[in-house]
Amino acid sequence: MLISCECDRRARCLAGLRPRFPLIRHMMALDQNHPRDMVEHFLASAAETVAVAGVELLQILGRSLRDVIGEEGFDSLLLRSLRRAGARYPWLQLDDKERPGEPEFVQWLQACRGRDPVEVQAAYMLLFTTFVDTLSVLIGAHLTTLILTSALACARVGLQEQGTAQ
C-alpha cells in the first residue's frame, strides 16, 4: 500500500498536481490501527494491572475467536504463543496439566505476583504480539483488527468495572 501511495504521489507531482494527502500522515493513520500498536497501547494504559488486563483481554478474545477458529484452534494458538513467549519468560508458561482457558487464568496471575511490572508488561507484549501476528496470518489482518478492536473495547470496560468495584 505504501508503494502505491508513493507512486501516486510521484505521478501527481510530475503532472504538477498536489498530492491528495501527505504520505507521512497516511502512514501514521495506518500505524495507529495496526494490531500490535493497539495491544501495546492497551497494555501501556493498564501498566499497574497489566496481568489482570492481559487475562481480561485473552478471555474476551477467546470468546470471540472460538466462533471463528473453534475452541481447539484458540487453545492451539494460545499455547503456541505461550511457548514462544515462554522461551524468554519461563514463568509465563502454563503447567501442562492446566488448560489455557481455565477460569481467570489463575496460574498466570499468581506467576505475575511479585515480579517487576516492566517485566510483566514486556512478557505480555511478547505474548500478544506473537498471538496477534499468528492470528493475522490465519484469518487475515482486517478480520484480526476488527475482532481485536472489539475485544479491546470490552476489556477496557471490564477493567473499569473491576476498578470501581474495588
Foldseek 3Di string as FASTA:
>chain_A
DLVVLVVQCVVCVVVVHHRPDDSVVVVVVVVCLFLLNVVLVLLVVVLVPNLQLLLLLLLLLQVVCCVPQNNVRSQVLLQVLQVVLCVVVVQSHDDPVDGCPDPSSVSSVVSCPPDDSVVVSVSSSSSVVSSLVVVCVVPNRVVSSVSSVVSSVVSVVVVVVVVVVD
